[in-house]
Protein backbone atom coordinates (compact mmCIF):
# COMPACT_ATOMS: atom_id res chain seq x y z
CA MET A 1 71.98 36.34 35.20
CA ILE A 2 69.71 36.98 33.08
CA ASN A 3 69.68 40.79 32.01
CA ASN A 4 67.01 42.08 30.64
CA GLY A 5 68.93 45.34 29.21
CA VAL A 6 72.80 46.76 28.75
CA LYS A 7 73.68 50.20 28.42
CA ARG A 8 76.80 50.84 26.34
CA ASP A 9 78.55 53.62 25.47
CA VAL A 10 78.77 54.46 21.44
CA ASN A 11 82.59 55.53 22.05
CA GLN A 12 83.60 51.94 23.29
CA THR A 13 86.95 51.45 22.90
CA SER A 14 88.76 47.92 22.14
CA SER A 15 89.62 47.84 25.77
CA ASN A 16 86.01 47.92 26.87
CA HIS A 17 83.99 45.75 24.11
CA LEU A 18 82.75 42.08 24.49
CA ASP A 19 84.57 39.44 22.83
CA LEU A 20 81.39 37.57 21.45
CA VAL A 21 77.43 38.75 21.17
CA ILE A 22 75.06 36.00 20.28
CA VAL A 23 72.10 37.07 18.36
CA GLY A 24 69.09 34.06 19.31
CA GLY A 25 68.39 33.14 22.42
CA GLY A 26 67.07 29.54 20.86
CA PRO A 27 68.69 26.25 21.68
CA THR A 28 71.51 26.67 19.33
CA GLY A 29 72.22 30.36 20.91
CA ILE A 30 72.28 28.58 24.19
CA ASN A 31 74.53 26.06 23.22
CA CYS A 32 76.95 28.77 22.04
CA GLY A 33 76.58 30.66 25.68
CA ILE A 34 77.49 27.53 27.40
CA GLU A 35 80.54 27.13 25.12
CA CYS A 36 81.36 30.92 25.56
CA GLN A 37 81.27 29.92 29.65
CA LYS A 38 83.55 27.31 29.21
CA ALA A 39 86.24 28.80 27.11
CA GLY A 40 86.17 32.00 29.80
CA LEU A 41 85.10 34.43 27.20
CA ASN A 42 82.99 37.70 27.35
CA TYR A 43 79.53 37.63 25.87
CA VAL A 44 75.91 38.21 25.71
CA ILE A 45 72.80 36.22 24.21
CA VAL A 46 70.84 38.92 22.73
CA GLU A 47 67.33 37.44 22.19
CA LYS A 48 64.15 39.24 20.81
CA GLY A 49 61.29 36.97 22.85
CA VAL A 50 61.53 34.64 25.53
CA ILE A 51 64.30 32.18 26.30
CA VAL A 52 63.44 29.45 23.34
CA ASN A 53 61.21 31.93 21.79
CA SER A 54 60.63 29.51 19.02
CA ILE A 55 59.79 26.18 21.24
CA TYR A 56 57.50 28.44 23.05
CA ASN A 57 55.76 29.57 19.98
CA PHE A 58 54.80 25.42 19.07
CA PRO A 59 51.80 24.44 19.34
CA PHE A 60 51.01 23.10 23.02
CA ASN A 61 50.34 20.03 22.97
CA MET A 62 53.34 19.30 20.32
CA THR A 63 55.08 16.39 20.51
CA PHE A 64 59.46 16.08 19.08
CA PHE A 65 60.00 14.25 16.76
CA SER A 66 63.78 13.65 18.05
CA THR A 67 64.15 12.13 21.01
CA SER A 68 65.23 13.99 24.64
CA LYS A 69 68.70 12.38 24.16
CA LYS A 70 69.65 13.62 20.77
CA LEU A 71 68.34 17.15 21.88
CA GLU A 72 70.47 17.52 24.93
CA ILE A 73 73.14 19.78 25.06
CA GLY A 74 76.01 21.17 27.80
CA GLU A 75 76.10 18.19 29.20
CA VAL A 76 73.37 18.60 31.30
CA PRO A 77 70.73 15.45 30.54
CA PHE A 78 67.20 16.21 28.96
CA ILE A 79 64.81 14.22 31.10
CA SER A 80 61.30 13.67 29.75
CA HIS A 81 58.56 10.97 30.17
CA ASN A 82 58.85 9.79 27.43
CA GLU A 83 61.34 9.05 24.43
CA LYS A 84 60.35 12.02 22.53
CA PRO A 85 59.69 14.97 24.89
CA THR A 86 56.92 17.64 24.76
CA ARG A 87 56.88 21.07 24.16
CA SER A 88 56.39 21.80 27.97
CA GLU A 89 59.31 19.60 28.65
CA ALA A 90 61.79 21.08 26.51
CA LEU A 91 61.13 24.69 27.69
CA GLU A 92 61.58 23.11 31.35
CA TYR A 93 65.06 21.38 30.04
CA TYR A 94 66.38 25.09 28.27
CA ARG A 95 65.23 27.59 31.20
CA ARG A 96 67.19 24.74 33.19
CA LEU A 97 70.16 24.98 31.39
CA VAL A 98 70.12 29.03 31.78
CA GLU A 99 69.66 28.67 34.91
CA SER A 100 72.28 26.29 35.98
CA TYR A 101 75.14 27.91 33.50
CA ASP A 102 74.26 31.31 34.99
CA LEU A 103 73.99 32.49 31.01
CA SER A 104 73.96 36.10 29.93
CA ILE A 105 70.91 36.59 28.22
CA MET A 106 69.14 40.24 27.46
CA LEU A 107 65.57 39.22 26.49
CA GLY A 108 63.00 41.29 24.56
CA LYS A 109 66.00 42.84 22.56
CA GLU A 110 65.91 42.55 19.10
CA VAL A 111 68.84 43.23 17.29
CA ILE A 112 68.43 45.87 14.39
CA SER A 113 71.55 46.06 12.64
CA ILE A 114 75.25 44.94 12.74
CA SER A 115 77.83 47.63 11.40
CA GLN A 116 82.12 47.82 11.48
CA GLU A 117 82.86 50.57 13.69
CA ASN A 118 86.68 50.76 14.71
CA ASN A 119 87.67 47.24 13.74
CA LEU A 120 84.89 46.11 15.60
CA HIS A 121 81.09 45.12 15.42
CA LYS A 122 78.61 47.73 16.74
CA ILE A 123 75.22 45.42 17.37
CA SER A 124 72.47 48.11 17.38
CA ILE A 125 69.67 47.08 19.22
CA ASN A 126 65.89 48.76 19.94
CA ASP A 127 65.66 51.13 22.15
CA ASN A 128 68.79 52.82 21.36
CA GLU A 129 71.31 50.29 22.82
CA GLU A 130 74.43 49.63 21.57
CA ILE A 131 76.85 46.83 22.33
CA PHE A 132 80.36 46.28 20.82
CA ALA A 133 81.71 42.97 19.76
CA LYS A 134 84.64 41.13 18.17
CA ASN A 135 82.74 38.63 16.84
CA VAL A 136 79.31 38.10 16.32
CA ILE A 137 77.23 34.36 16.23
CA ILE A 138 73.90 34.42 14.04
CA ALA A 139 71.76 31.90 15.61
CA THR A 140 68.58 32.99 14.42
CA GLY A 141 66.75 29.80 13.31
CA PHE A 142 63.62 30.85 11.01
CA TYR A 143 60.63 29.56 12.97
CA ASP A 144 59.75 33.78 13.16
CA ASN A 145 59.10 33.80 9.66
CA PRO A 146 56.83 31.80 7.55
CA ARG A 147 56.16 30.99 4.20
CA LEU A 148 53.68 33.32 2.90
CA LEU A 149 50.69 32.07 0.37
CA ASN A 150 51.03 35.53 -1.35
CA ILE A 151 47.34 35.54 -2.04
CA PRO A 152 44.25 37.96 -1.66
CA GLY A 153 43.09 37.67 2.02
CA GLU A 154 45.75 36.55 3.61
CA ASN A 155 45.63 39.15 5.92
CA LEU A 156 42.17 38.29 7.15
CA SER A 157 42.42 36.98 11.50
CA LYS A 158 41.36 33.75 10.30
CA VAL A 159 44.54 32.58 8.87
CA LYS A 160 47.26 31.68 10.74
CA HIS A 161 50.67 30.45 9.98
CA TYR A 162 51.43 29.30 13.55
CA TYR A 163 49.10 26.43 15.48
CA ASP A 164 47.71 26.85 18.74
CA ASP A 165 44.74 25.36 20.56
CA VAL A 166 43.16 23.31 18.84
CA HIS A 167 39.81 24.31 21.15
CA LEU A 168 39.52 27.26 18.68
CA TYR A 169 38.34 24.88 15.96
CA VAL A 170 35.98 22.39 17.83
CA LYS A 171 33.03 22.14 15.18
CA LYS A 172 34.42 24.89 12.40
CA ASP A 173 35.27 24.32 8.80
CA VAL A 174 39.29 24.84 8.78
CA VAL A 175 41.02 24.34 5.97
CA VAL A 176 45.27 22.98 6.50
CA VAL A 177 47.08 24.05 3.92
CA GLY A 178 50.07 21.66 3.67
CA GLY A 179 51.29 18.43 3.32
CA ALA A 180 53.86 17.37 5.67
CA ASN A 181 54.71 17.03 9.20
CA SER A 182 53.13 20.46 10.89
CA ALA A 183 49.95 20.35 8.24
CA CYS A 184 49.45 16.14 9.22
CA ASP A 185 49.49 16.97 12.91
CA VAL A 186 47.11 19.84 12.92
CA ALA A 187 44.48 18.08 10.79
CA LEU A 188 44.50 14.84 12.20
CA GLU A 189 44.47 16.56 15.68
CA CYS A 190 41.31 19.25 14.35
CA TRP A 191 39.96 16.52 12.92
CA GLN A 192 40.02 14.18 16.21
CA LYS A 193 38.44 16.95 18.49
CA GLY A 194 35.28 17.11 15.97
CA ALA A 195 36.75 20.32 13.19
CA ASN A 196 35.44 19.81 10.11
CA VAL A 197 39.04 19.47 8.20
CA THR A 198 39.91 19.88 4.40
CA MET A 199 43.86 19.70 3.39
CA VAL A 200 45.16 21.06 0.39
CA VAL A 201 48.25 20.13 -0.89
CA ARG A 202 50.21 21.28 -3.82
CA GLU A 203 51.82 17.73 -4.14
CA PRO A 204 50.31 14.58 -5.82
CA GLU A 205 50.76 12.79 -2.29
CA LEU A 206 51.50 13.89 1.30
CA TYR A 207 55.27 14.15 1.63
CA GLN A 208 56.35 10.74 2.26
CA LYS A 209 58.64 11.60 5.71
CA VAL A 210 56.06 12.00 8.03
CA LYS A 211 56.38 11.00 11.27
CA TYR A 212 56.13 7.38 10.90
CA TRP A 213 52.97 7.16 13.44
CA ILE A 214 51.34 10.07 11.73
CA LEU A 215 51.48 9.12 7.87
CA PRO A 216 49.47 5.65 7.64
CA ASN A 217 46.83 7.64 10.31
CA ILE A 218 46.19 10.22 8.22
CA GLU A 219 46.68 8.48 4.48
CA ASN A 220 43.77 6.12 6.34
CA ARG A 221 41.73 9.41 7.29
CA ILE A 222 41.65 10.74 3.91
CA LYS A 223 41.08 7.40 2.09
CA GLU A 224 37.86 6.83 4.52
CA GLY A 225 36.62 10.43 3.87
CA SER A 226 36.95 11.55 7.90
CA ILE A 227 39.55 14.47 6.10
CA LYS A 228 39.10 15.89 2.81
CA ALA A 229 42.00 16.96 0.78
CA PHE A 230 42.65 18.20 -2.68
CA PHE A 231 45.97 17.05 -4.20
CA ASN A 232 47.97 19.43 -6.61
CA SER A 233 45.80 21.91 -5.20
CA LYS A 234 46.24 25.25 -4.06
CA LEU A 235 44.29 28.35 -2.36
CA ILE A 236 43.99 31.38 -4.71
CA GLU A 237 42.00 33.78 -2.62
CA ILE A 238 40.49 33.87 0.61
CA LYS A 239 37.27 35.51 1.79
CA LYS A 240 35.72 35.95 5.09
CA GLY A 241 33.29 33.04 5.00
CA GLU A 242 34.66 30.87 2.19
CA VAL A 243 37.91 30.43 0.15
CA GLU A 244 38.81 29.38 -3.46
CA VAL A 245 41.08 26.41 -4.17
CA GLU A 246 42.34 25.29 -7.57
CA THR A 247 42.19 21.73 -8.21
CA PRO A 248 42.99 19.73 -11.73
CA SER A 249 39.35 19.90 -11.84
CA GLY A 250 38.93 23.67 -11.84
CA ILE A 251 38.36 26.08 -9.53
CA ILE A 252 35.96 25.06 -6.13
CA SER A 253 34.69 27.57 -3.35
CA LEU A 254 34.57 25.73 0.26
CA GLU A 255 33.13 27.40 3.15
CA ASN A 256 35.58 28.01 5.61
CA ASP A 257 35.75 29.29 8.95
CA TYR A 258 39.59 29.27 9.16
CA VAL A 259 42.87 28.87 7.24
CA LEU A 260 46.01 27.06 8.85
CA ALA A 261 48.69 27.51 6.75
CA MET A 262 51.30 25.17 7.72
CA THR A 263 53.66 25.74 5.09
CA GLY A 264 56.91 25.78 6.62
CA TYR A 265 58.93 28.72 7.45
CA MET A 266 62.33 30.14 6.12
CA PRO A 267 65.37 32.20 7.60
CA ASP A 268 65.32 36.26 6.82
CA LEU A 269 66.98 36.25 4.33
CA SER A 270 67.03 40.03 3.75
CA TRP A 271 68.31 41.03 6.94
CA ILE A 272 71.26 38.27 6.67
CA LYS A 273 72.00 40.18 3.30
CA SER A 274 72.14 43.42 4.98
CA LEU A 275 74.71 42.28 7.25
CA GLY A 276 77.14 42.03 4.28
CA ILE A 277 76.62 38.40 4.26
CA ASP A 278 76.95 36.94 0.78
CA LEU A 279 74.52 33.86 0.10
CA ILE A 280 74.88 31.47 -2.47
CA LYS A 281 72.84 31.07 -5.82
CA ASN A 282 69.35 28.96 -5.48
CA SER A 283 70.15 27.32 -2.36
CA GLU A 284 70.42 31.01 -0.65
CA ARG A 285 72.86 29.43 1.93
CA ALA A 286 74.98 32.00 3.89
CA GLN A 287 78.78 32.09 2.35
CA ILE A 288 80.83 30.49 5.03
CA ASN A 289 83.55 28.72 5.81
CA SER A 290 82.42 24.88 6.58
CA GLU A 291 85.78 24.26 8.55
CA THR A 292 85.05 27.39 11.37
CA LEU A 293 81.62 28.47 10.39
CA GLU A 294 82.96 32.13 9.56
CA SER A 295 81.22 33.97 6.95
CA ASN A 296 82.41 36.19 4.36
CA VAL A 297 82.36 39.37 6.83
CA PRO A 298 85.32 38.44 9.28
CA GLY A 299 83.85 37.52 12.64
CA ILE A 300 80.46 36.75 11.69
CA TYR A 301 79.62 33.36 11.65
CA LEU A 302 76.37 31.51 11.58
CA ALA A 303 75.05 28.59 13.83
CA GLY A 304 72.10 26.24 13.97
CA VAL A 305 69.25 25.83 11.12
CA VAL A 306 69.95 29.27 10.04
CA VAL A 307 73.22 27.66 8.00
CA SER A 308 70.36 25.66 5.93
CA GLY A 309 69.45 28.47 3.75
CA LEU A 310 66.31 27.67 1.67
CA LYS A 311 66.95 24.05 2.73
CA THR A 312 65.32 24.12 6.24
CA SER A 313 64.46 20.30 6.00
CA GLU A 314 68.30 19.29 6.21
CA LEU A 315 69.38 20.79 9.57
CA PHE A 316 67.68 20.58 13.01
CA ILE A 317 68.58 20.84 16.60
CA GLU A 318 70.40 17.68 16.92
CA ASN A 319 72.43 17.84 13.84
CA THR A 320 74.10 21.03 14.60
CA ARG A 321 75.06 20.80 18.29
CA ASN A 322 78.72 20.83 17.00
CA HIS A 323 78.32 24.48 15.86
CA PRO A 324 79.04 26.29 18.95
CA GLU A 325 82.48 24.05 19.84
CA ILE A 326 83.45 24.86 16.04
CA ILE A 327 82.98 28.08 16.09
CA ILE A 328 84.35 29.15 19.60
CA GLY A 329 87.29 26.96 18.56
CA SER A 330 88.05 29.07 15.87
CA ILE A 331 87.50 32.24 17.75
CA LEU A 332 90.11 30.48 20.51
CA ASP A 333 92.44 30.53 17.65
CA LYS A 334 92.60 33.39 16.63
CA ASN A 335 93.21 35.26 20.22
CA SER A 336 96.07 32.45 20.67
C-alpha cells in the first residue's frame, strides 16, 4: 500500500517499533522494500518526492545506458520496446513493482534527521512526524545534489543543472557545460532541434567513455563546426545576456540565452556526516563494513550509488542490485 503519512508516538518503545526504515524511494529503495517483504520484516520506505523521483526528473526523452535486463529487480521482468529502455518505460516498471509487491511507502516525506533514543533510531520527518526503527537503510542516491559551478550569476533563472525539454532551447544561444554523457546528449539534442550550441569543457577532450553511439557523432559535429567547443576552459561568470569563458587564449564573452550545467551530481555528504557516519578522506566514501554494508553507526546501512562517495561514476543501478539482499541478510543474522 502507498502511504502518504504515518503518525507515530514520540514515546514509542521496543514493543511497537519498525524493523527497518528505508530512506529513499528510488530503484534501490524499492529493491530494499521488496527484500523486506520477502523476509517478513516490518518496514516503511520514506521518499521526499515521488516514486523513483530521480528518474522522474530525468530528461523527457532520455534513454538508459543499461539494458532493461540489467535493471530488473524483484524477479519481475522489465519489458521495453528496445534493448535500452526509456525514462517513460522505467517509470512504468517501477510503478508496477510498487503495486505488485504492495510496498509500504510514504511519499512527499523528507527525513530531516536520524538520532538514537532508547536503543532505537528516531527518524524525524517534516511535518513533525517521527518513526522509530531498529535499523535504517540510506538509499538516497545523489541526483538531487548537483555539482555547482560556484561562479557569479549561477543563481540566474537561465542556468539549469537539470535538462528538461529541448523545445525551450530552439533558436536560442545555449552553453552546455561539461564533456561527459549528459553534456554530450544535451548538446546533440539541442543542436539537432535548432539551438546554437557551445560546449565549455574543463578537460582537453570529451570524456572517452561517453556512450559509444554518441561519442563519434558529437566529435564529428565539433570537428565540422556545427557545435562550437572550448576545451581546457571554464565559465567564470554568467550574466543576463552573455557569459564569460576562461580559455587557453584568454577570457572571451559569448552571447547567451541559457546555460545548461551538465556537471554531474554528488551525495549530500554533509547530511550523511550529520548522522554520525564517518567518511574516508579524499574519496568521501562512507565508512562501511564491505561484507554487510553497515556503517560505523550500528544499525545504519548504506545501499546503492550513495556508497560510492565522490566516485559517482563507479556504481549504478545494475551493479548495486545485490545490496538489499546483503543488508537484509545481515539484519536477519542479528535477529537470529
